[in-house]
Amino acid sequence: MRRVIMDYSYLEVDEHPIATYKVQYVNWLNDTWIGRGDWLQAVVTNRRLLLIPSENSLRGKVESIRYQDVYNVWNLCLGKRDGVLLRLKNRQHFYLYVDWSQGNKLVNHLNERIAPAAKPRILPRLRFT
């Protein structure tokens, strides 16, 4: 089994990783889902989603998606594999395979990040003197 080592040089100040998944871009072609490119390391952080190519990949560019740019995320079945649909506010969308049936966990992590912060039911009292 190959271990994935996290390279923290991609993180910004005060940013920390929450979870890591293995994903691959997917396209619909000739009535079937076809994986596009190499598998990527998807790192969910407290500020953004990072898509980091593997060490032996020809594409060395790290893609960063900020949570305020995400419209919504769904877990779905792509053929007979676990997948994710990621829709951005600029009307772009990405289909991704997620390795080892981890799609639901990835979607839950992303939905926690894009949801607005809960407002308190009871507002604190301010003391005026």
Protein backbone atom coordinates (compact mmCIF):
# COMPACT_ATOMS: atom_id res chain seq x y z
CA MET A 1 0.00 0.00 0.00
CA ARG A 2 1.35 3.42 -0.97
CA ARG A 3 1.22 6.14 1.66
CA VAL A 4 0.21 9.64 0.66
CA ILE A 5 2.42 12.24 2.27
CA MET A 6 0.90 15.69 2.67
CA ASP A 7 3.04 18.58 1.48
CA TYR A 8 2.15 21.53 3.70
CA SER A 9 3.82 24.08 1.41
CA TYR A 10 0.49 24.55 -0.40
CA LEU A 11 -1.25 25.82 2.71
CA GLU A 12 -1.74 29.50 3.49
CA VAL A 13 -1.12 31.14 6.85
CA ASP A 14 -3.61 29.87 9.48
CA GLU A 15 -4.89 27.20 7.09
CA HIS A 16 -4.93 23.57 8.20
CA PRO A 17 -5.96 20.31 6.49
CA ILE A 18 -9.12 18.59 7.67
CA ALA A 19 -9.36 15.54 5.39
CA THR A 20 -7.66 14.07 2.33
CA TYR A 21 -9.28 12.07 -0.48
CA LYS A 22 -8.16 10.55 -3.76
CA VAL A 23 -10.17 11.88 -6.75
CA GLN A 24 -10.09 11.89 -10.55
CA TYR A 25 -11.84 14.17 -13.06
CA VAL A 26 -14.49 12.35 -15.12
CA ASN A 27 -16.17 13.09 -18.48
CA TRP A 28 -19.31 11.61 -20.06
CA LEU A 29 -18.19 10.15 -23.40
CA ASN A 30 -19.87 7.56 -25.67
CA ASP A 31 -22.55 6.70 -23.10
CA THR A 32 -20.07 6.00 -20.31
CA TRP A 33 -18.03 7.83 -17.68
CA ILE A 34 -14.34 8.06 -18.57
CA GLY A 35 -11.64 9.11 -16.11
CA ARG A 36 -9.62 12.09 -17.32
CA GLY A 37 -6.00 12.49 -16.29
CA ASP A 38 -4.23 11.19 -13.23
CA TRP A 39 -5.65 10.67 -9.78
CA LEU A 40 -5.38 13.75 -7.59
CA GLN A 41 -5.12 14.30 -3.87
CA ALA A 42 -8.14 16.37 -2.76
CA VAL A 43 -7.32 18.16 0.49
CA VAL A 44 -10.21 19.74 2.39
CA THR A 45 -8.88 22.60 4.50
CA ASN A 46 -10.59 25.14 6.72
CA ARG A 47 -10.51 27.70 3.85
CA ARG A 48 -10.55 25.90 0.49
CA LEU A 49 -10.42 22.66 -1.46
CA LEU A 50 -7.00 21.84 -2.92
CA LEU A 51 -6.58 19.42 -5.84
CA ILE A 52 -2.94 18.33 -5.82
CA PRO A 53 -1.54 16.14 -8.63
CA SER A 54 0.48 13.06 -7.76
CA GLU A 55 4.27 13.31 -7.66
CA ASN A 56 4.74 11.48 -10.97
CA SER A 57 2.06 13.48 -12.81
CA LEU A 58 2.88 15.62 -15.83
CA ARG A 59 0.45 18.29 -14.63
CA GLY A 60 2.14 19.92 -11.69
CA LYS A 61 -0.38 22.70 -11.08
CA VAL A 62 -2.27 22.72 -7.80
CA GLU A 63 -5.89 23.79 -8.22
CA SER A 64 -7.55 25.74 -5.43
CA ILE A 65 -11.30 26.21 -5.02
CA ARG A 66 -12.45 28.64 -2.33
CA TYR A 67 -15.64 27.68 -0.50
CA GLN A 68 -17.33 31.01 -1.24
CA ASP A 69 -17.09 30.08 -4.96
CA VAL A 70 -18.92 26.75 -4.50
CA TYR A 71 -22.65 26.74 -5.28
CA ASN A 72 -23.38 23.17 -4.17
CA VAL A 73 -21.98 19.64 -3.96
CA TRP A 74 -23.71 16.29 -4.51
CA ASN A 75 -22.72 12.69 -3.98
CA LEU A 76 -23.82 10.56 -6.94
CA CYS A 77 -23.17 7.34 -8.78
CA LEU A 78 -21.09 7.69 -11.96
CA GLY A 79 -21.64 4.41 -13.72
CA LYS A 80 -20.90 1.88 -11.00
CA ARG A 81 -18.47 4.10 -9.13
CA ASP A 82 -18.78 6.61 -6.33
CA GLY A 83 -18.65 10.19 -7.55
CA VAL A 84 -19.16 13.84 -6.71
CA LEU A 85 -20.66 16.73 -8.67
CA LEU A 86 -19.12 20.07 -7.69
CA ARG A 87 -20.94 23.16 -9.03
CA LEU A 88 -19.38 26.61 -8.80
CA LYS A 89 -21.17 29.96 -8.73
CA ASN A 90 -19.64 30.90 -12.11
CA ARG A 91 -21.69 28.01 -13.64
CA GLN A 92 -18.72 25.66 -14.02
CA HIS A 93 -19.21 22.12 -12.82
CA PHE A 94 -16.88 19.19 -12.25
CA TYR A 95 -17.59 15.49 -12.01
CA LEU A 96 -15.10 13.54 -9.89
CA TYR A 97 -14.56 9.88 -9.11
CA VAL A 98 -13.80 9.39 -5.42
CA ASP A 99 -11.68 6.41 -4.41
CA TRP A 100 -12.94 3.69 -2.04
CA SER A 101 -16.54 4.89 -1.62
CA GLN A 102 -15.48 8.06 0.18
CA GLY A 103 -17.79 10.34 -1.85
CA ASN A 104 -20.32 10.79 0.94
CA LYS A 105 -17.62 11.81 3.42
CA LEU A 106 -16.11 14.28 0.95
CA VAL A 107 -19.53 15.83 0.25
CA ASN A 108 -20.25 16.12 3.99
CA HIS A 109 -16.91 17.84 4.61
CA LEU A 110 -17.50 20.29 1.75
CA ASN A 111 -21.11 21.02 2.74
CA GLU A 112 -19.98 21.82 6.28
CA ARG A 113 -17.60 24.39 4.85
CA ILE A 114 -19.96 26.06 2.34
CA ALA A 115 -22.95 26.28 4.69
CA PRO A 116 -23.38 29.66 6.37
CA ALA A 117 -22.54 29.79 10.04
CA ALA A 118 -25.48 29.03 12.30
CA LYS A 119 -26.97 32.03 14.05
CA PRO A 120 -27.52 31.68 17.78
CA ARG A 121 -31.12 31.10 18.83
CA ILE A 122 -30.77 33.37 21.82
CA LEU A 123 -28.87 36.59 21.40
CA PRO A 124 -26.55 37.51 24.25
CA ARG A 125 -27.67 40.40 26.44
CA LEU A 126 -25.61 43.50 26.26
CA ARG A 127 -25.13 45.39 29.48
CA PHE A 128 -25.42 49.12 29.25
CA THR A 129 -24.04 51.12 32.13
